Amino acid sequence: MTRFTKINLELKSQLYRLCCEFVENRLRNVQDTVNEIQQSLTSETKSSAGDKHETGRAMLQLEREKAGQQLSEIEKLKEALSKINIEKSSKTIGLGSIVFTTQANYFISVSAGDFTIEHESFFAISAQTPIGQLLMGKKQGDEIVFRDISFTIIDAL
């Protein structure tokens, strides 16, 4: 393993770990919300009867459904992350690629926002995002036009 390959693997590992932490934090937040809703539903049951009681329960049920949808989305994110092999490196951009462009740097994984590693900024994006779709299958030197802005792929790891 060359020094360059080792550095690339470390960078990919760090980005992957940050994406996993992002997903785990979202999961914890939604689970906390579900627990709070469940506690509220339990206390609503012990509350007084009437229209106010029924309205409160209906609102809590809606919140619980929303939280259930969020849990489903988090499961999809975890599934997408599980498909990434951080040890795989290819010059053709795909899931798990780190992409350096003249405009920005990207990690094709899940939509997790912006991460900074050693003074470099990386956007963790899903392959299904508009920019992700444009990058997939491209190689070093290819030019991309996104929202009337043209940029070139400098490297893909």
Protein backbone atom coordinates (compact mmCIF):
# COMPACT_ATOMS: atom_id res chain seq x y z
CA MET A 1 0.00 0.00 0.00
CA THR A 2 1.51 3.33 -1.04
CA ARG A 3 1.57 6.35 1.23
CA PHE A 4 -0.90 8.11 -1.10
CA THR A 5 -3.31 5.15 -0.98
CA LYS A 6 -3.06 5.07 2.81
CA ILE A 7 -3.85 8.80 3.05
CA ASN A 8 -6.83 8.34 0.70
CA LEU A 9 -8.13 5.44 2.80
CA GLU A 10 -7.76 7.50 5.99
CA LEU A 11 -9.66 10.42 4.42
CA LYS A 12 -12.42 8.13 3.16
CA SER A 13 -12.59 6.45 6.60
CA GLN A 14 -12.95 9.80 8.34
CA LEU A 15 -15.70 10.96 5.98
CA TYR A 16 -17.50 7.63 6.30
CA ARG A 17 -17.28 7.79 10.11
CA LEU A 18 -18.66 11.35 10.12
CA CYS A 19 -21.59 10.25 7.95
CA CYS A 20 -22.27 7.33 10.30
CA GLU A 21 -22.19 9.69 13.30
CA PHE A 22 -24.60 12.03 11.49
CA VAL A 23 -27.06 9.17 10.91
CA GLU A 24 -26.70 7.87 14.50
CA ASN A 25 -27.36 11.37 15.90
CA ARG A 26 -30.49 11.68 13.76
CA LEU A 27 -31.61 8.26 14.96
CA ARG A 28 -31.11 9.22 18.61
CA ASN A 29 -33.03 12.48 18.14
CA VAL A 30 -35.98 10.74 16.49
CA GLN A 31 -35.99 7.98 19.13
CA ASP A 32 -36.05 10.67 21.83
CA THR A 33 -38.98 12.32 20.06
CA VAL A 34 -40.84 8.99 19.86
CA ASN A 35 -40.26 8.41 23.58
CA GLU A 36 -41.53 11.92 24.43
CA ILE A 37 -44.63 11.39 22.29
CA GLN A 38 -45.27 8.04 23.97
CA GLN A 39 -44.98 9.64 27.40
CA SER A 40 -47.30 12.44 26.33
CA LEU A 41 -49.84 9.93 25.00
CA THR A 42 -49.71 8.06 28.30
CA SER A 43 -50.25 11.25 30.31
CA GLU A 44 -53.02 12.35 27.90
CA THR A 45 -54.81 9.08 28.63
CA LYS A 46 -54.77 9.93 32.33
CA SER A 47 -56.00 13.45 31.58
CA SER A 48 -59.57 14.71 31.58
CA ALA A 49 -61.96 13.63 28.85
CA GLY A 50 -63.54 15.86 26.24
CA ASP A 51 -62.77 17.58 22.94
CA LYS A 52 -59.50 19.06 24.20
CA HIS A 53 -58.34 15.58 25.19
CA GLU A 54 -59.22 14.10 21.78
CA THR A 55 -57.52 16.96 19.90
CA GLY A 56 -54.36 16.50 21.96
CA ARG A 57 -54.31 12.76 21.27
CA ALA A 58 -54.86 13.30 17.54
CA MET A 59 -51.97 15.78 17.39
CA LEU A 60 -49.70 13.36 19.22
CA GLN A 61 -50.70 10.54 16.86
CA LEU A 62 -49.75 12.75 13.89
CA GLU A 63 -46.39 13.51 15.50
CA ARG A 64 -45.84 9.79 16.07
CA GLU A 65 -46.58 9.05 12.38
CA LYS A 66 -44.14 11.79 11.35
CA ALA A 67 -41.47 10.31 13.62
CA GLY A 68 -42.15 6.88 12.12
CA GLN A 69 -41.51 8.28 8.64
CA GLN A 70 -38.26 9.83 9.87
CA LEU A 71 -37.19 6.45 11.29
CA SER A 72 -37.88 4.88 7.90
CA GLU A 73 -35.70 7.52 6.19
CA ILE A 74 -32.89 6.88 8.68
CA GLU A 75 -33.06 3.16 7.89
CA LYS A 76 -32.61 4.03 4.20
CA LEU A 77 -29.56 6.15 5.08
CA LYS A 78 -28.07 3.28 7.10
CA GLU A 79 -28.69 0.91 4.18
CA ALA A 80 -26.95 3.31 1.76
CA LEU A 81 -23.95 3.58 4.10
CA SER A 82 -23.74 -0.20 4.42
CA LYS A 83 -23.24 -0.44 0.63
CA ILE A 84 -20.08 1.70 0.75
CA ASN A 85 -16.75 -0.10 0.63
CA ILE A 86 -14.25 2.50 1.84
CA GLU A 87 -11.33 0.32 0.73
CA LYS A 88 -12.48 0.41 -2.88
CA SER A 89 -10.97 3.11 -5.03
CA SER A 90 -11.96 3.86 -8.60
CA LYS A 91 -11.29 6.67 -11.02
CA THR A 92 -14.93 6.38 -12.10
CA ILE A 93 -17.19 8.17 -9.63
CA GLY A 94 -19.63 5.97 -7.74
CA LEU A 95 -21.02 5.37 -4.26
CA GLY A 96 -18.21 5.95 -1.76
CA SER A 97 -16.12 8.15 -4.06
CA ILE A 98 -14.39 11.28 -2.90
CA VAL A 99 -14.56 13.86 -5.69
CA PHE A 100 -12.33 16.92 -5.93
CA THR A 101 -13.59 19.59 -8.33
CA THR A 102 -12.67 23.17 -9.19
CA GLN A 103 -15.86 24.23 -7.36
CA ALA A 104 -16.10 21.98 -4.26
CA ASN A 105 -15.21 18.56 -2.84
CA TYR A 106 -17.78 15.79 -2.45
CA PHE A 107 -18.15 12.45 -0.71
CA ILE A 108 -20.79 10.39 -2.51
CA SER A 109 -22.60 8.65 0.35
CA VAL A 110 -25.63 10.14 2.11
CA SER A 111 -26.81 13.72 2.38
CA ALA A 112 -25.14 14.64 5.65
CA GLY A 113 -23.94 18.18 5.06
CA ASP A 114 -20.53 19.78 5.11
CA PHE A 115 -17.51 18.32 6.91
CA THR A 116 -14.05 19.83 7.33
CA ILE A 117 -11.03 17.55 7.50
CA GLU A 118 -7.54 19.05 7.71
CA HIS A 119 -8.76 22.46 6.47
CA GLU A 120 -10.53 20.87 3.45
CA SER A 121 -14.28 21.10 3.12
CA PHE A 122 -16.26 18.10 1.84
CA PHE A 123 -19.97 17.90 1.10
CA ALA A 124 -21.43 14.49 1.93
CA ILE A 125 -24.11 14.04 -0.73
CA SER A 126 -26.37 11.26 -1.87
CA ALA A 127 -26.00 9.80 -5.35
CA GLN A 128 -29.70 10.68 -5.82
CA THR A 129 -29.19 14.43 -5.36
CA PRO A 130 -29.05 16.52 -8.55
CA ILE A 131 -25.29 17.13 -8.20
CA GLY A 132 -24.74 13.50 -7.24
CA GLN A 133 -26.52 12.31 -10.37
CA LEU A 134 -24.34 14.59 -12.49
CA LEU A 135 -21.14 13.27 -10.90
CA MET A 136 -21.96 9.54 -11.00
CA GLY A 137 -20.01 7.72 -13.70
CA LYS A 138 -17.76 10.69 -14.46
CA LYS A 139 -13.95 10.72 -14.31
CA GLN A 140 -11.02 13.05 -13.72
CA GLY A 141 -10.99 15.84 -16.32
CA ASP A 142 -14.73 15.66 -17.05
CA GLU A 143 -16.58 18.95 -17.01
CA ILE A 144 -19.92 19.35 -15.22
CA VAL A 145 -22.48 22.13 -15.51
CA PHE A 146 -24.73 22.54 -12.49
CA ARG A 147 -27.11 25.50 -12.12
CA ASP A 148 -25.31 27.35 -14.92
CA ILE A 149 -21.96 26.93 -13.15
CA SER A 150 -19.30 24.95 -14.98
CA PHE A 151 -16.61 23.07 -13.08
CA THR A 152 -14.06 20.36 -13.74
CA ILE A 153 -13.37 17.12 -11.85
CA ILE A 154 -9.80 17.34 -10.60
CA ASP A 155 -9.62 13.86 -9.07
CA ALA A 156 -11.80 10.98 -7.86
CA LEU A 157 -10.77 8.50 -5.18
